[in-house]
Amino acid sequence: MDQSRNLSFAFPGKNWRELRGFLEGQGVEIRPIPYGFQAQFEETVVNWYTSEKLLLQGKGAADFAEELYLRGLIKTGLDKESSARIGVDESGKGDFFGPLVVAGALVRPEMENELLRLGVRDSKTISDHVIIKTSAAVKKIAPHTKIIISPAKYNELHLKMRNVNRILAWAHARAIENLLEKHEVKLAVADQFGDESLIREALMEKGRRVRLIQEHRAEADLAVAAASIIARAEFLSQLDRLSEKAGLRLPRGASQEVLAAGKKLVAKVGVSGLDQFAKTHFKTTRELTPK
């Protein structure tokens, strides 16, 4: 099934009770499945799980999501009231090879319906081939910015700051500031990492006037989800370019596959050449360094 027609949302039990009542009122059979319930409504398969997740599948998934949004059953932001806000998120933090990319996306309430129809959600739930297309579509709708920190620049910053969270905070703050240069917004939303004060301290004058929300799983906010898609699509693009430069495929993550690719790369460019391709503070570098 096409992943662009698989849409997932946080969906609490009280919303499921309302949706279930609607479906049963339409004569739709609700069937128990492991850890939840399933129903077929026209061209949409509706799955609700006791983990409070709703999964919509099929040709009608986008239309059904739009209906739930209009009914107020799908929440698009961390705030109770939807408002214009900047969402920021990153990609590449846990990857040995490739840059660190932080993206910002500005989402206004009138954009939310269209973004939902595109299937905008946490980028980790979207496959690589779908995310490139989704990112291109999101960028046509939402003002955005990207902070691309190449491996060499990342390694330089890490030597200076000695802390990944400080690098992240600096990049998140720059993304917020970049969008504030051209747009008046009073709210920014970010995933929480490290000390909450890190991003606030990295913001400059304009950014300090903005209300900043930091929460775990902030990708539940549509603006953060949009930023996460843009960031990951850019990371994948940058990783492909580095792979061409290296003359071999540089995989994601920090697995044994990454270690094997690292050994091939060191054979070509030496340990000193890793700086141009990888985040050298990872323990993977020590495993690649001759003892």
Protein backbone atom coordinates (compact mmCIF):
# COMPACT_ATOMS: atom_id res chain seq x y z
CA MET A 1 0.00 0.00 0.00
CA ASP A 2 1.33 3.48 -0.87
CA GLN A 3 2.75 5.06 2.31
CA SER A 4 1.38 8.44 1.29
CA ARG A 5 -2.03 6.87 1.96
CA ASN A 6 -1.08 5.65 5.42
CA LEU A 7 -1.70 8.52 7.84
CA SER A 8 -1.18 8.26 11.59
CA PHE A 9 -2.21 10.62 14.38
CA ALA A 10 -2.26 10.82 18.15
CA PHE A 11 -5.88 10.03 19.00
CA PRO A 12 -7.03 9.83 22.64
CA GLY A 13 -9.71 7.43 23.86
CA LYS A 14 -12.41 10.11 24.18
CA ASN A 15 -11.96 11.01 20.50
CA TRP A 16 -12.12 7.34 19.56
CA ARG A 17 -15.42 6.97 21.44
CA GLU A 18 -16.84 9.87 19.41
CA LEU A 19 -15.50 8.47 16.13
CA ARG A 20 -16.72 4.97 16.98
CA GLY A 21 -20.19 6.33 17.68
CA PHE A 22 -20.19 8.06 14.28
CA LEU A 23 -19.02 4.90 12.46
CA GLU A 24 -21.57 2.67 14.18
CA GLY A 25 -24.27 5.24 13.36
CA GLN A 26 -23.33 4.74 9.69
CA GLY A 27 -23.81 0.99 10.06
CA VAL A 28 -20.06 0.30 9.98
CA GLU A 29 -18.87 -2.86 11.74
CA ILE A 30 -16.15 -2.28 14.37
CA ARG A 31 -13.87 -5.33 14.68
CA PRO A 32 -11.42 -6.00 17.51
CA ILE A 33 -7.78 -6.40 16.41
CA PRO A 34 -4.65 -6.95 18.54
CA TYR A 35 -4.30 -3.89 20.78
CA GLY A 36 -7.21 -2.02 19.22
CA PHE A 37 -10.09 -1.87 16.76
CA GLN A 38 -10.57 -1.72 13.00
CA ALA A 39 -13.34 -0.56 10.67
CA GLN A 40 -13.79 -0.09 6.92
CA PHE A 41 -15.46 3.20 6.02
CA GLU A 42 -15.89 3.70 2.27
CA GLU A 43 -12.31 3.76 0.86
CA THR A 44 -10.60 4.10 4.26
CA VAL A 45 -9.48 1.42 6.70
CA VAL A 46 -9.66 2.95 10.18
CA ASN A 47 -7.38 1.44 12.84
CA TRP A 48 -7.40 2.68 16.43
CA TYR A 49 -4.90 1.32 18.97
CA THR A 50 -5.08 1.39 22.76
CA SER A 51 -1.73 3.22 22.65
CA GLU A 52 -4.00 6.10 21.50
CA LYS A 53 -2.85 6.11 17.91
CA LEU A 54 -5.13 6.34 14.87
CA LEU A 55 -3.95 4.88 11.55
CA LEU A 56 -5.87 5.62 8.35
CA GLN A 57 -5.15 3.54 5.25
CA GLY A 58 -6.39 3.53 1.69
CA LYS A 59 -7.42 5.90 -1.09
CA GLY A 60 -9.79 7.83 1.15
CA ALA A 61 -7.31 8.36 4.02
CA ALA A 62 -6.60 12.04 3.25
CA ASP A 63 -10.30 12.88 2.85
CA PHE A 64 -11.14 11.08 6.08
CA ALA A 65 -8.34 12.90 7.93
CA GLU A 66 -9.72 16.20 6.65
CA GLU A 67 -13.16 15.31 8.00
CA LEU A 68 -11.72 14.46 11.43
CA TYR A 69 -9.76 17.72 11.42
CA LEU A 70 -12.90 19.73 10.64
CA ARG A 71 -14.69 17.91 13.47
CA GLY A 72 -11.91 18.90 15.85
CA LEU A 73 -10.89 15.28 16.49
CA ILE A 74 -7.37 15.60 15.10
CA LYS A 75 -5.13 17.94 17.01
CA THR A 76 -2.53 19.75 14.92
CA GLY A 77 -0.58 21.58 17.61
CA LEU A 78 0.64 21.38 21.19
CA ASP A 79 -1.39 24.46 22.10
CA LYS A 80 -5.10 24.12 22.78
CA GLU A 81 -5.76 26.87 20.23
CA SER A 82 -4.19 26.55 16.82
CA SER A 83 -2.10 29.59 15.97
CA ALA A 84 0.71 30.65 13.65
CA ARG A 85 3.96 29.16 14.91
CA ILE A 86 7.45 28.17 13.89
CA GLY A 87 8.33 24.50 14.30
CA VAL A 88 11.97 23.36 14.41
CA ASP A 89 13.47 19.89 14.24
CA GLU A 90 16.71 18.17 13.26
CA SER A 91 18.02 15.19 11.33
CA GLY A 92 21.41 13.49 11.44
CA LYS A 93 22.11 13.78 15.17
CA GLY A 94 22.46 10.00 15.58
CA ASP A 95 24.17 9.36 12.24
CA PHE A 96 27.95 8.88 12.10
CA PHE A 97 28.11 9.88 8.44
CA GLY A 98 26.61 13.08 7.08
CA PRO A 99 25.77 16.54 8.34
CA LEU A 100 23.50 17.75 11.09
CA VAL A 101 20.49 19.47 9.51
CA VAL A 102 18.06 21.64 11.44
CA ALA A 103 14.97 22.96 9.66
CA GLY A 104 12.34 25.48 10.62
CA ALA A 105 8.82 25.68 9.17
CA LEU A 106 6.23 28.39 9.72
CA VAL A 107 2.69 27.03 9.82
CA ARG A 108 -0.44 29.18 9.98
CA PRO A 109 -3.90 27.73 10.79
CA GLU A 110 -5.08 28.14 7.20
CA MET A 111 -2.24 25.87 5.99
CA GLU A 112 -3.02 22.99 8.35
CA ASN A 113 -5.72 21.31 6.28
CA GLU A 114 -3.50 21.11 3.21
CA LEU A 115 -0.54 19.82 5.23
CA LEU A 116 -2.72 17.12 6.78
CA ARG A 117 -3.85 16.04 3.32
CA LEU A 118 -0.18 15.69 2.33
CA GLY A 119 0.29 13.26 5.21
CA VAL A 120 2.57 15.55 7.21
CA ARG A 121 3.60 13.78 10.41
CA ASP A 122 6.76 12.76 12.28
CA SER A 123 9.35 12.11 9.54
CA LYS A 124 10.50 8.90 11.28
CA THR A 125 7.21 7.28 10.21
CA ILE A 126 7.75 8.10 6.50
CA SER A 127 9.92 6.08 4.11
CA ASP A 128 12.88 7.69 2.35
CA HIS A 129 11.35 7.64 -1.14
CA VAL A 130 8.11 9.24 0.09
CA ILE A 131 9.80 11.88 2.24
CA ILE A 132 11.59 13.55 -0.69
CA LYS A 133 8.27 14.15 -2.48
CA THR A 134 6.51 15.18 0.72
CA SER A 135 9.25 17.67 1.59
CA ALA A 136 9.02 19.29 -1.86
CA ALA A 137 5.25 19.68 -1.42
CA VAL A 138 5.57 21.06 2.14
CA LYS A 139 8.12 23.65 1.03
CA LYS A 140 5.64 25.01 -1.52
CA ILE A 141 3.12 25.66 1.27
CA ALA A 142 5.10 26.67 4.36
CA PRO A 143 7.86 29.30 4.66
CA HIS A 144 10.95 27.41 5.79
CA THR A 145 14.66 27.55 6.46
CA LYS A 146 17.48 25.01 6.70
CA ILE A 147 20.67 25.08 8.76
CA ILE A 148 23.12 22.59 7.25
CA ILE A 149 26.16 21.86 9.40
CA SER A 150 28.64 19.87 7.32
CA PRO A 151 30.67 17.14 9.06
CA ALA A 152 33.80 19.35 9.04
CA LYS A 153 31.91 22.30 10.53
CA TYR A 154 30.14 20.03 13.03
CA ASN A 155 33.48 18.63 14.22
CA GLU A 156 34.84 22.16 14.58
CA LEU A 157 31.79 23.22 16.64
CA HIS A 158 32.00 20.10 18.79
CA LEU A 159 35.64 20.83 19.63
CA LYS A 160 34.60 24.34 20.63
CA MET A 161 31.30 23.60 22.44
CA ARG A 162 32.09 20.05 23.67
CA ASN A 163 28.38 19.28 23.74
CA VAL A 164 25.95 18.06 21.05
CA ASN A 165 22.97 19.73 22.75
CA ARG A 166 24.68 23.12 22.60
CA ILE A 167 25.23 22.67 18.85
CA LEU A 168 21.57 21.69 18.46
CA ALA A 169 20.40 24.68 20.50
CA TRP A 170 22.54 27.06 18.44
CA ALA A 171 21.14 25.64 15.16
CA HIS A 172 17.52 25.62 16.39
CA ALA A 173 17.87 29.23 17.49
CA ARG A 174 19.31 30.24 14.08
CA ALA A 175 16.38 28.56 12.29
CA ILE A 176 13.88 30.47 14.45
CA GLU A 177 15.74 33.75 13.92
CA ASN A 178 15.94 33.23 10.14
CA LEU A 179 12.15 32.92 9.86
CA LEU A 180 11.57 35.87 12.20
CA GLU A 181 13.62 38.04 9.84
CA LYS A 182 10.76 37.91 7.32
CA HIS A 183 7.69 36.90 9.33
CA GLU A 184 5.90 38.15 12.44
CA VAL A 185 5.23 35.16 14.70
CA LYS A 186 4.73 34.98 18.45
CA LEU A 187 5.23 31.24 19.04
CA ALA A 188 7.94 28.65 18.35
CA VAL A 189 7.79 24.92 19.11
CA ALA A 190 10.75 22.54 19.45
CA ASP A 191 11.41 19.04 20.66
CA GLN A 192 12.92 19.04 24.15
CA PHE A 193 16.55 17.99 24.48
CA GLY A 194 18.94 18.72 27.33
CA ASP A 195 18.39 21.82 29.43
CA GLU A 196 15.36 23.84 28.27
CA SER A 197 17.35 27.06 28.70
CA LEU A 198 19.82 26.13 25.92
CA ILE A 199 17.68 27.33 22.99
CA ARG A 200 16.48 30.41 24.88
CA GLU A 201 20.06 31.42 25.67
CA ALA A 202 21.07 30.95 22.02
CA LEU A 203 18.26 33.18 20.71
CA MET A 204 19.00 36.77 19.82
CA GLU A 205 16.82 39.87 20.33
CA LYS A 206 13.91 38.95 18.02
CA GLY A 207 13.81 35.35 19.15
CA ARG A 208 13.66 36.29 22.82
CA ARG A 209 10.33 38.04 22.22
CA VAL A 210 8.77 34.79 21.03
CA ARG A 211 7.03 32.31 23.32
CA LEU A 212 9.02 29.06 23.09
CA ILE A 213 7.42 25.68 23.83
CA GLN A 214 9.73 22.69 24.25
CA GLU A 215 8.16 19.27 24.75
CA HIS A 216 9.09 15.63 24.26
CA ARG A 217 7.51 14.24 21.07
CA ALA A 218 6.92 17.75 19.76
CA GLU A 219 6.47 16.18 16.29
CA ALA A 220 2.81 15.89 17.31
CA ASP A 221 2.67 19.58 16.36
CA LEU A 222 2.13 19.98 12.62
CA ALA A 223 4.78 22.73 12.38
CA VAL A 224 7.45 20.55 14.01
CA ALA A 225 6.40 17.59 11.85
CA ALA A 226 6.77 19.78 8.72
CA ALA A 227 10.24 20.87 9.89
CA SER A 228 11.22 17.26 10.60
CA ILE A 229 10.28 16.26 7.04
CA ILE A 230 12.28 19.11 5.49
CA ALA A 231 15.29 18.36 7.72
CA ARG A 232 15.34 14.65 6.96
CA ALA A 233 14.88 15.10 3.21
CA GLU A 234 17.81 17.55 3.19
CA PHE A 235 19.93 15.19 5.29
CA LEU A 236 19.31 12.35 2.82
CA SER A 237 20.21 14.62 -0.10
CA GLN A 238 23.42 15.74 1.60
CA LEU A 239 24.33 12.14 2.50
CA ASP A 240 23.90 11.12 -1.15
CA ARG A 241 26.32 13.90 -2.19
CA LEU A 242 28.87 12.79 0.39
CA SER A 243 28.51 9.19 -0.83
CA GLU A 244 29.33 10.34 -4.38
CA LYS A 245 32.34 12.23 -3.07
CA ALA A 246 33.49 9.18 -1.09
CA GLY A 247 32.93 6.80 -4.00
CA LEU A 248 30.91 4.44 -1.79
CA ARG A 249 27.51 4.35 -0.13
CA LEU A 250 27.59 5.92 3.33
CA PRO A 251 24.78 4.33 5.38
CA ARG A 252 22.71 5.96 8.11
CA GLY A 253 23.03 5.36 11.84
CA ALA A 254 26.01 3.97 13.75
CA SER A 255 25.66 0.22 13.11
CA GLN A 256 28.04 -2.56 12.01
CA GLU A 257 27.13 -1.63 8.43
CA VAL A 258 28.38 1.90 9.16
CA LEU A 259 31.59 0.50 10.67
CA ALA A 260 32.18 -1.61 7.54
CA ALA A 261 31.69 1.45 5.31
CA GLY A 262 33.99 3.42 7.61
CA LYS A 263 36.78 0.87 7.14
CA LYS A 264 36.47 1.16 3.36
CA LEU A 265 36.49 4.96 3.61
CA VAL A 266 39.57 5.03 5.88
CA ALA A 267 41.37 2.81 3.36
CA LYS A 268 40.70 5.51 0.75
CA VAL A 269 41.12 8.78 2.65
CA GLY A 270 42.88 7.84 5.89
CA VAL A 271 41.66 8.47 9.43
CA SER A 272 42.37 12.20 9.05
CA GLY A 273 40.02 12.32 6.03
CA LEU A 274 37.05 11.12 8.10
CA ASP A 275 36.55 14.70 9.29
CA GLN A 276 35.00 15.58 5.92
CA PHE A 277 32.45 12.76 6.02
CA ALA A 278 31.65 11.88 9.63
CA LYS A 279 31.01 13.17 13.14
CA THR A 280 34.33 12.14 14.62
CA HIS A 281 33.38 12.28 18.31
CA PHE A 282 31.28 9.11 17.79
CA LYS A 283 32.83 5.96 19.27
CA THR A 284 32.83 4.57 15.70
CA THR A 285 35.91 6.72 15.02
CA ARG A 286 37.83 4.98 17.84
CA GLU A 287 36.91 1.62 16.33
CA LEU A 288 38.34 2.78 13.00
CA THR A 289 41.56 4.17 14.49
CA PRO A 290 44.58 1.81 14.44
CA LYS A 291 45.79 0.98 17.96
